Amino acid sequence: MTTTTTAATATTAWAAPRLVGPVKGGGFRGALAFEWTKFWSVRATWWNLLVGLLLTTGFAAMVGASADASAAKGVDGTMPAPHHASQAFLISQLTVVVLATLALTSEYSSGSIRTTLQSVPHRCRMLMSKTLVVMGVVAVAGFAFSLLATFVAAFFMRGHGTCTGGELLATALGTGTYLALLAVMSIGLGTVLRSAAGTITTLIMVLLALPQLMGVIAAKWLETTSDFMPSVAGTVLMTQDNDPYGAATALPVLLLWSLAAFVAGYVMLRHRDA
């Protein structure tokens, strides 16, 4: 109930962007420019990125300090700093869910989706351009946040868990990729549900609640299925672990989840009125 109320409040905080007439230049390039302008013209974009940055660095500091305390007590402290920093995204990934969800559902709640479709009548072009804009911004933000979180965690670890440049880069790339595909899932599901509260609640269940529930139930097939949930595959990409599988499997798993959500969103967009 709390999650739904929070999501509904976030929707009202998303100010509808100014939409002025048809897209100049037309075509896919014009649609991209149109969505880019809308995306950065609302305060919620900036606030979500700021909150994501603060949550990521704050949790990275906590994780780093905890790792240092454990190492001081004789617990293995050789785990590299990027691995610890990736744990900070357990909560901050939800800011990506909110950001991507509101980029689409806010237009339905404000009624500006009709103006958007008048400006970009080709629905596939509209949805794809919006998705690419959000996906690109989130990928860059995830990459930068991962680097910063690693430096913060390493500082508080005080020399424990040193890493190579390759490990640092691989974790940052994995984080940016995971968050970008998570944004695609959010937009796709948001297009299906047309509700910020419903989309955010559903994704919280898929990302956090379901993997935990499936893991505690004593059923082998459920445990196996839980390994292929998007949050598990995302953790593999961010930590570069090989448990329960490696990045070569995690990436296709995430691609399938995001593609399924996008296709479902497109189908519903094509067959329903704005």
Protein backbone atom coordinates (compact mmCIF):
# COMPACT_ATOMS: atom_id res chain seq x y z
CA MET A 1 0.00 0.00 0.00
CA THR A 2 2.86 2.34 0.87
CA THR A 3 4.61 1.58 -2.41
CA THR A 4 1.47 2.32 -4.40
CA THR A 5 0.89 5.61 -2.59
CA THR A 6 4.49 6.68 -3.13
CA ALA A 7 4.31 5.84 -6.81
CA ALA A 8 1.09 7.78 -7.20
CA THR A 9 2.66 10.80 -5.51
CA ALA A 10 5.66 10.55 -7.82
CA THR A 11 3.33 10.63 -10.82
CA THR A 12 1.78 13.91 -9.75
CA ALA A 13 5.25 15.36 -9.18
CA TRP A 14 6.17 14.70 -12.80
CA ALA A 15 5.34 17.96 -14.56
CA ALA A 16 4.03 17.45 -18.07
CA PRO A 17 6.62 18.65 -20.61
CA ARG A 18 5.84 21.36 -23.10
CA LEU A 19 4.82 19.97 -26.45
CA VAL A 20 4.71 22.42 -29.30
CA GLY A 21 3.36 21.26 -32.64
CA PRO A 22 4.74 18.60 -34.97
CA VAL A 23 8.31 17.36 -34.81
CA LYS A 24 10.60 19.49 -36.92
CA GLY A 25 12.64 17.50 -39.43
CA GLY A 26 10.46 14.40 -39.05
CA GLY A 27 11.70 10.85 -39.28
CA PHE A 28 13.39 8.85 -36.58
CA ARG A 29 16.02 11.51 -35.94
CA GLY A 30 13.31 14.10 -35.32
CA ALA A 31 11.48 11.74 -32.98
CA LEU A 32 14.67 11.19 -30.98
CA ALA A 33 15.23 14.94 -30.67
CA PHE A 34 11.61 15.36 -29.62
CA GLU A 35 11.86 12.73 -26.87
CA TRP A 36 15.25 14.05 -25.73
CA THR A 37 13.83 17.53 -25.25
CA LYS A 38 10.81 16.23 -23.34
CA PHE A 39 12.92 13.97 -21.14
CA TRP A 40 15.16 16.77 -19.90
CA SER A 41 12.40 19.38 -19.62
CA VAL A 42 10.85 17.87 -16.49
CA ARG A 43 12.20 18.17 -12.96
CA ALA A 44 11.56 14.52 -12.15
CA THR A 45 14.40 13.45 -14.47
CA TRP A 46 16.93 15.48 -12.54
CA TRP A 47 15.52 14.49 -9.15
CA ASN A 48 15.57 10.78 -9.94
CA LEU A 49 19.17 10.92 -11.14
CA LEU A 50 20.19 12.89 -8.06
CA VAL A 51 18.43 10.50 -5.69
CA GLY A 52 20.01 7.56 -7.53
CA LEU A 53 23.45 9.09 -7.12
CA LEU A 54 22.96 9.77 -3.42
CA LEU A 55 21.55 6.31 -2.70
CA THR A 56 24.32 4.57 -4.63
CA THR A 57 27.20 6.44 -3.01
CA GLY A 58 25.59 6.29 0.43
CA PHE A 59 25.09 2.53 0.31
CA ALA A 60 28.55 2.08 -1.21
CA ALA A 61 30.03 3.86 1.80
CA MET A 62 28.07 1.62 4.16
CA VAL A 63 29.08 -1.54 2.32
CA GLY A 64 32.72 -0.46 2.21
CA ALA A 65 32.79 0.33 5.93
CA SER A 66 31.15 -3.01 6.69
CA ALA A 67 33.73 -4.85 4.58
CA ASP A 68 36.54 -3.05 6.40
CA ALA A 69 35.07 -3.97 9.80
CA SER A 70 34.75 -7.60 8.71
CA ALA A 71 38.35 -7.67 7.47
CA ALA A 72 39.52 -6.25 10.80
CA LYS A 73 37.83 -9.18 12.54
CA GLY A 74 39.62 -11.69 10.36
CA VAL A 75 36.83 -12.28 7.86
CA ASP A 76 37.99 -12.62 4.24
CA GLY A 77 38.41 -9.09 2.88
CA THR A 78 39.94 -9.88 -0.48
CA MET A 79 36.73 -9.36 -2.46
CA PRO A 80 37.41 -6.49 -4.90
CA ALA A 81 35.84 -3.08 -4.26
CA PRO A 82 33.68 -3.11 -7.44
CA HIS A 83 31.97 -6.27 -6.18
CA HIS A 84 31.09 -4.55 -2.91
CA ALA A 85 30.03 -1.35 -4.70
CA SER A 86 27.59 -3.26 -6.91
CA GLN A 87 25.59 -4.18 -3.81
CA ALA A 88 24.67 -0.50 -3.50
CA PHE A 89 22.41 -0.84 -6.55
CA LEU A 90 20.04 -3.21 -4.73
CA ILE A 91 17.97 -0.18 -3.71
CA SER A 92 19.13 2.55 -6.10
CA GLN A 93 18.01 0.47 -9.10
CA LEU A 94 14.48 1.40 -8.10
CA THR A 95 15.19 5.03 -9.05
CA VAL A 96 15.79 3.77 -12.60
CA VAL A 97 12.45 1.97 -12.48
CA VAL A 98 10.70 5.17 -11.38
CA LEU A 99 12.54 7.34 -13.92
CA ALA A 100 11.78 5.09 -16.90
CA THR A 101 8.22 4.39 -15.79
CA LEU A 102 7.29 8.05 -15.39
CA ALA A 103 8.83 8.90 -18.77
CA LEU A 104 5.90 7.01 -20.31
CA THR A 105 3.06 6.78 -17.78
CA SER A 106 3.16 10.50 -16.91
CA GLU A 107 2.01 11.25 -20.45
CA TYR A 108 -1.04 9.05 -19.97
CA SER A 109 -1.88 10.60 -16.61
CA SER A 110 -1.54 14.16 -17.95
CA GLY A 111 -3.16 13.43 -21.32
CA SER A 112 -0.09 14.69 -23.21
CA ILE A 113 0.26 11.27 -24.88
CA ARG A 114 -2.28 12.48 -27.45
CA THR A 115 -0.06 15.41 -28.38
CA THR A 116 2.94 13.11 -28.51
CA LEU A 117 1.19 10.80 -30.95
CA GLN A 118 0.06 13.75 -33.04
CA SER A 119 3.68 14.91 -33.22
CA VAL A 120 5.03 11.40 -33.89
CA PRO A 121 2.09 9.45 -35.39
CA HIS A 122 4.17 6.32 -36.09
CA ARG A 123 3.69 4.49 -32.80
CA CYS A 124 6.64 2.14 -33.12
CA ARG A 125 8.89 5.12 -33.86
CA MET A 126 7.54 7.01 -30.86
CA LEU A 127 8.00 4.11 -28.45
CA MET A 128 11.42 3.19 -29.78
CA SER A 129 12.74 6.76 -29.70
CA LYS A 130 11.50 7.26 -26.14
CA THR A 131 13.06 3.94 -25.11
CA LEU A 132 16.41 4.73 -26.73
CA VAL A 133 16.61 8.15 -25.07
CA VAL A 134 15.87 6.80 -21.59
CA MET A 135 18.05 3.75 -22.18
CA GLY A 136 21.04 5.86 -23.25
CA VAL A 137 20.79 8.25 -20.31
CA VAL A 138 20.42 5.40 -17.81
CA ALA A 139 23.35 3.47 -19.32
CA VAL A 140 25.69 6.46 -18.97
CA ALA A 141 24.41 7.24 -15.47
CA GLY A 142 24.81 3.60 -14.39
CA PHE A 143 28.38 3.50 -15.72
CA ALA A 144 29.30 6.73 -13.93
CA PHE A 145 27.52 5.77 -10.70
CA SER A 146 29.33 2.42 -10.64
CA LEU A 147 32.74 4.06 -10.96
CA LEU A 148 31.93 6.57 -8.24
CA ALA A 149 30.49 3.90 -5.95
CA THR A 150 33.63 1.79 -6.37
CA PHE A 151 35.87 4.71 -5.40
CA VAL A 152 33.68 5.45 -2.36
CA ALA A 153 33.63 1.80 -1.28
CA ALA A 154 37.40 1.48 -1.78
CA PHE A 155 37.98 4.58 0.36
CA PHE A 156 36.02 3.14 3.28
CA MET A 157 37.58 -0.30 2.82
CA ARG A 158 40.98 1.28 3.53
CA GLY A 159 43.12 -0.89 1.30
CA HIS A 160 41.08 -4.08 1.47
CA GLY A 161 39.68 -5.57 -1.71
CA THR A 162 41.94 -3.89 -4.25
CA CYS A 163 40.95 -4.32 -7.88
CA THR A 164 42.42 -4.03 -11.35
CA GLY A 165 41.39 -1.53 -13.99
CA GLY A 166 39.80 -4.36 -15.94
CA GLU A 167 37.60 -5.37 -12.99
CA LEU A 168 36.58 -1.76 -12.47
CA LEU A 169 35.65 -1.29 -16.14
CA ALA A 170 33.83 -4.64 -16.42
CA THR A 171 31.67 -3.86 -13.39
CA ALA A 172 30.85 -0.36 -14.65
CA LEU A 173 29.91 -1.67 -18.11
CA GLY A 174 27.83 -4.47 -16.58
CA THR A 175 26.01 -2.01 -14.33
CA GLY A 176 25.25 0.39 -17.16
CA THR A 177 23.98 -2.47 -19.33
CA TYR A 178 21.76 -3.93 -16.61
CA LEU A 179 20.18 -0.60 -15.68
CA ALA A 180 19.62 0.28 -19.35
CA LEU A 181 17.78 -3.01 -19.96
CA LEU A 182 15.85 -2.51 -16.73
CA ALA A 183 14.71 0.85 -18.14
CA VAL A 184 13.46 -0.93 -21.28
CA MET A 185 11.48 -3.35 -19.11
CA SER A 186 9.97 -0.42 -17.18
CA ILE A 187 8.87 1.43 -20.31
CA GLY A 188 7.45 -1.74 -21.88
CA LEU A 189 5.46 -2.67 -18.79
CA GLY A 190 4.42 0.95 -18.29
CA THR A 191 3.01 0.97 -21.83
CA VAL A 192 0.97 -2.14 -21.02
CA LEU A 193 -0.37 -0.96 -17.66
CA ARG A 194 -0.43 2.82 -18.29
CA SER A 195 -0.11 3.26 -14.53
CA ALA A 196 2.97 4.41 -12.62
CA ALA A 197 1.78 2.80 -9.38
CA GLY A 198 0.96 -0.52 -11.05
CA THR A 199 4.20 -0.63 -13.05
CA ILE A 200 6.48 0.25 -10.15
CA THR A 201 4.74 -2.17 -7.78
CA THR A 202 4.93 -4.99 -10.34
CA LEU A 203 8.63 -4.41 -10.98
CA ILE A 204 9.43 -4.28 -7.27
CA MET A 205 7.73 -7.67 -6.95
CA VAL A 206 9.67 -9.07 -9.92
CA LEU A 207 13.03 -7.61 -8.91
CA LEU A 208 13.00 -8.03 -5.13
CA ALA A 209 10.10 -10.05 -3.74
CA LEU A 210 9.65 -12.96 -6.15
CA PRO A 211 13.32 -14.12 -6.24
CA GLN A 212 13.33 -14.22 -2.43
CA LEU A 213 10.04 -16.11 -2.21
CA MET A 214 11.05 -18.58 -4.90
CA GLY A 215 14.33 -19.21 -3.12
CA VAL A 216 12.83 -20.05 0.28
CA ILE A 217 10.20 -22.46 -1.03
CA ALA A 218 11.64 -25.97 -0.98
CA ALA A 219 11.08 -26.72 -4.65
CA LYS A 220 14.01 -27.36 -6.95
CA TRP A 221 12.25 -26.07 -10.06
CA LEU A 222 11.39 -22.81 -8.32
CA GLU A 223 15.00 -22.35 -7.23
CA THR A 224 16.15 -22.93 -10.79
CA THR A 225 13.55 -20.53 -12.16
CA SER A 226 14.56 -17.84 -9.67
CA ASP A 227 18.09 -17.94 -11.09
CA PHE A 228 16.72 -16.52 -14.33
CA MET A 229 14.87 -13.58 -12.83
CA PRO A 230 16.15 -10.20 -14.11
CA SER A 231 17.61 -9.09 -10.77
CA VAL A 232 19.71 -12.26 -10.50
CA ALA A 233 21.03 -11.86 -14.05
CA GLY A 234 21.68 -8.19 -13.32
CA THR A 235 23.66 -9.06 -10.20
CA VAL A 236 25.82 -11.41 -12.27
CA LEU A 237 26.55 -8.61 -14.76
CA MET A 238 27.35 -6.09 -12.04
CA THR A 239 29.51 -8.35 -9.87
CA GLN A 240 31.05 -10.37 -12.73
CA ASP A 241 30.36 -13.53 -10.71
CA ASN A 242 29.96 -17.00 -12.22
CA ASP A 243 27.23 -18.09 -9.82
CA PRO A 244 24.70 -19.34 -10.89
CA TYR A 245 26.10 -18.60 -14.38
CA GLY A 246 28.40 -16.13 -16.09
CA ALA A 247 27.88 -12.86 -17.93
CA ALA A 248 27.57 -14.73 -21.23
CA THR A 249 24.28 -16.18 -19.96
CA ALA A 250 23.15 -13.21 -17.89
CA LEU A 251 23.09 -10.82 -20.86
CA PRO A 252 20.76 -12.96 -23.03
CA VAL A 253 18.48 -13.49 -20.02
CA LEU A 254 18.14 -9.73 -19.53
CA LEU A 255 17.71 -9.15 -23.26
CA LEU A 256 14.83 -11.63 -23.34
CA TRP A 257 13.10 -9.98 -20.38
CA SER A 258 13.45 -6.50 -21.84
CA LEU A 259 12.45 -7.61 -25.35
CA ALA A 260 9.35 -9.37 -24.02
CA ALA A 261 8.28 -6.25 -22.11
CA PHE A 262 8.96 -3.96 -25.08
CA VAL A 263 7.06 -6.14 -27.55
CA ALA A 264 4.11 -6.44 -25.15
CA GLY A 265 4.09 -2.66 -24.75
CA TYR A 266 4.21 -2.10 -28.51
CA VAL A 267 1.38 -4.55 -29.17
CA MET A 268 -0.82 -2.83 -26.60
CA LEU A 269 0.11 0.60 -27.95
CA ARG A 270 -0.86 -0.44 -31.46
CA HIS A 271 -4.23 -1.90 -30.48
CA ARG A 272 -5.50 0.65 -27.96
CA ASP A 273 -6.53 4.28 -28.23
CA ALA A 274 -4.42 6.89 -26.51
